[in-house]
Amino acid sequence: MIASLLLFSIFVIGVAAIIVTVLRKLGLDQKETFTLFLLATAAVVASAFILFLTSA
């Protein structure tokens, strides 16, 4: 269960990194894309934690 959560979070962080790269190509500056990446990472961690709590 925990391994699948880790795999899922790694996948979503990878997708978020790809989205951030695309946004940077479109002209967003470094600080905005980093903030978006942090928000996406926090959302993944929160959802994984909620899934862990509901499965326990």
C-alpha atoms as a PDB file:
ATOM      1  CA  MET A   1       0.000   0.000   0.000  1.00  0.00           C
ATOM      2  CA  ILE A   2       2.714   2.464   0.960  1.00  0.00           C
ATOM      3  CA  ALA A   3       4.757   1.465  -2.083  1.00  0.00           C
ATOM      4  CA  SER A   4       1.839   2.248  -4.377  1.00  0.00           C
ATOM      5  CA  LEU A   5       1.375   5.617  -2.671  1.00  0.00           C
ATOM      6  CA  LEU A   6       5.048   6.409  -3.187  1.00  0.00           C
ATOM      7  CA  LEU A   7       4.864   5.348  -6.818  1.00  0.00           C
ATOM      8  CA  PHE A   8       1.755   7.470  -7.327  1.00  0.00           C
ATOM      9  CA  SER A   9       3.340  10.524  -5.707  1.00  0.00           C
ATOM     10  CA  ILE A  10       6.513  10.140  -7.794  1.00  0.00           C
ATOM     11  CA  PHE A  11       4.361   9.918 -10.920  1.00  0.00           C
ATOM     12  CA  VAL A  12       2.350  13.035 -10.040  1.00  0.00           C
ATOM     13  CA  ILE A  13       5.490  14.999  -9.151  1.00  0.00           C
ATOM     14  CA  GLY A  14       6.924  14.008 -12.539  1.00  0.00           C
ATOM     15  CA  VAL A  15       3.763  15.212 -14.270  1.00  0.00           C
ATOM     16  CA  ALA A  16       3.938  18.450 -12.277  1.00  0.00           C
ATOM     17  CA  ALA A  17       7.562  18.922 -13.350  1.00  0.00           C
ATOM     18  CA  ILE A  18       6.559  18.467 -16.996  1.00  0.00           C
ATOM     19  CA  ILE A  19       3.728  20.988 -16.584  1.00  0.00           C
ATOM     20  CA  VAL A  20       6.114  23.460 -14.931  1.00  0.00           C
ATOM     21  CA  THR A  21       8.552  23.043 -17.830  1.00  0.00           C
ATOM     22  CA  VAL A  22       5.773  23.751 -20.328  1.00  0.00           C
ATOM     23  CA  LEU A  23       4.648  26.801 -18.346  1.00  0.00           C
ATOM     24  CA  ARG A  24       8.223  28.077 -18.238  1.00  0.00           C
ATOM     25  CA  LYS A  25       8.442  27.743 -22.029  1.00  0.00           C
ATOM     26  CA  LEU A  26       5.220  29.764 -22.274  1.00  0.00           C
ATOM     27  CA  GLY A  27       6.854  32.623 -20.405  1.00  0.00           C
ATOM     28  CA  LEU A  28       6.213  32.295 -16.675  1.00  0.00           C
ATOM     29  CA  ASP A  29       9.181  33.318 -14.579  1.00  0.00           C
ATOM     30  CA  GLN A  30      11.144  31.129 -12.184  1.00  0.00           C
ATOM     31  CA  LYS A  31       9.350  32.137  -8.993  1.00  0.00           C
ATOM     32  CA  GLU A  32       5.833  31.541 -10.347  1.00  0.00           C
ATOM     33  CA  THR A  33       6.671  28.093 -11.725  1.00  0.00           C
ATOM     34  CA  PHE A  34       8.452  27.101  -8.507  1.00  0.00           C
ATOM     35  CA  THR A  35       5.396  28.176  -6.495  1.00  0.00           C
ATOM     36  CA  LEU A  36       3.137  26.112  -8.762  1.00  0.00           C
ATOM     37  CA  PHE A  37       5.475  23.121  -8.370  1.00  0.00           C
ATOM     38  CA  LEU A  38       5.408  23.456  -4.582  1.00  0.00           C
ATOM     39  CA  LEU A  39       1.605  23.668  -4.601  1.00  0.00           C
ATOM     40  CA  ALA A  40       1.337  20.558  -6.778  1.00  0.00           C
ATOM     41  CA  THR A  41       3.766  18.669  -4.542  1.00  0.00           C
ATOM     42  CA  ALA A  42       1.846  19.710  -1.418  1.00  0.00           C
ATOM     43  CA  ALA A  43      -1.407  18.550  -3.016  1.00  0.00           C
ATOM     44  CA  VAL A  44       0.121  15.148  -3.809  1.00  0.00           C
ATOM     45  CA  VAL A  45       1.453  14.734  -0.285  1.00  0.00           C
ATOM     46  CA  ALA A  46      -1.898  15.740   1.218  1.00  0.00           C
ATOM     47  CA  SER A  47      -3.874  13.357  -0.989  1.00  0.00           C
ATOM     48  CA  ALA A  48      -1.474  10.485  -0.266  1.00  0.00           C
ATOM     49  CA  PHE A  49      -1.755  11.196   3.469  1.00  0.00           C
ATOM     50  CA  ILE A  50      -5.561  11.243   3.287  1.00  0.00           C
ATOM     51  CA  LEU A  51      -5.542   7.960   1.344  1.00  0.00           C
ATOM     52  CA  PHE A  52      -3.220   6.473   3.950  1.00  0.00           C
ATOM     53  CA  LEU A  53      -5.475   7.586   6.817  1.00  0.00           C
ATOM     54  CA  THR A  54      -8.637   6.273   5.193  1.00  0.00           C
ATOM     55  CA  SER A  55      -7.032   2.918   4.374  1.00  0.00           C
ATOM     56  CA  ALA A  56      -5.667   2.381   7.884  1.00  0.00           C
END
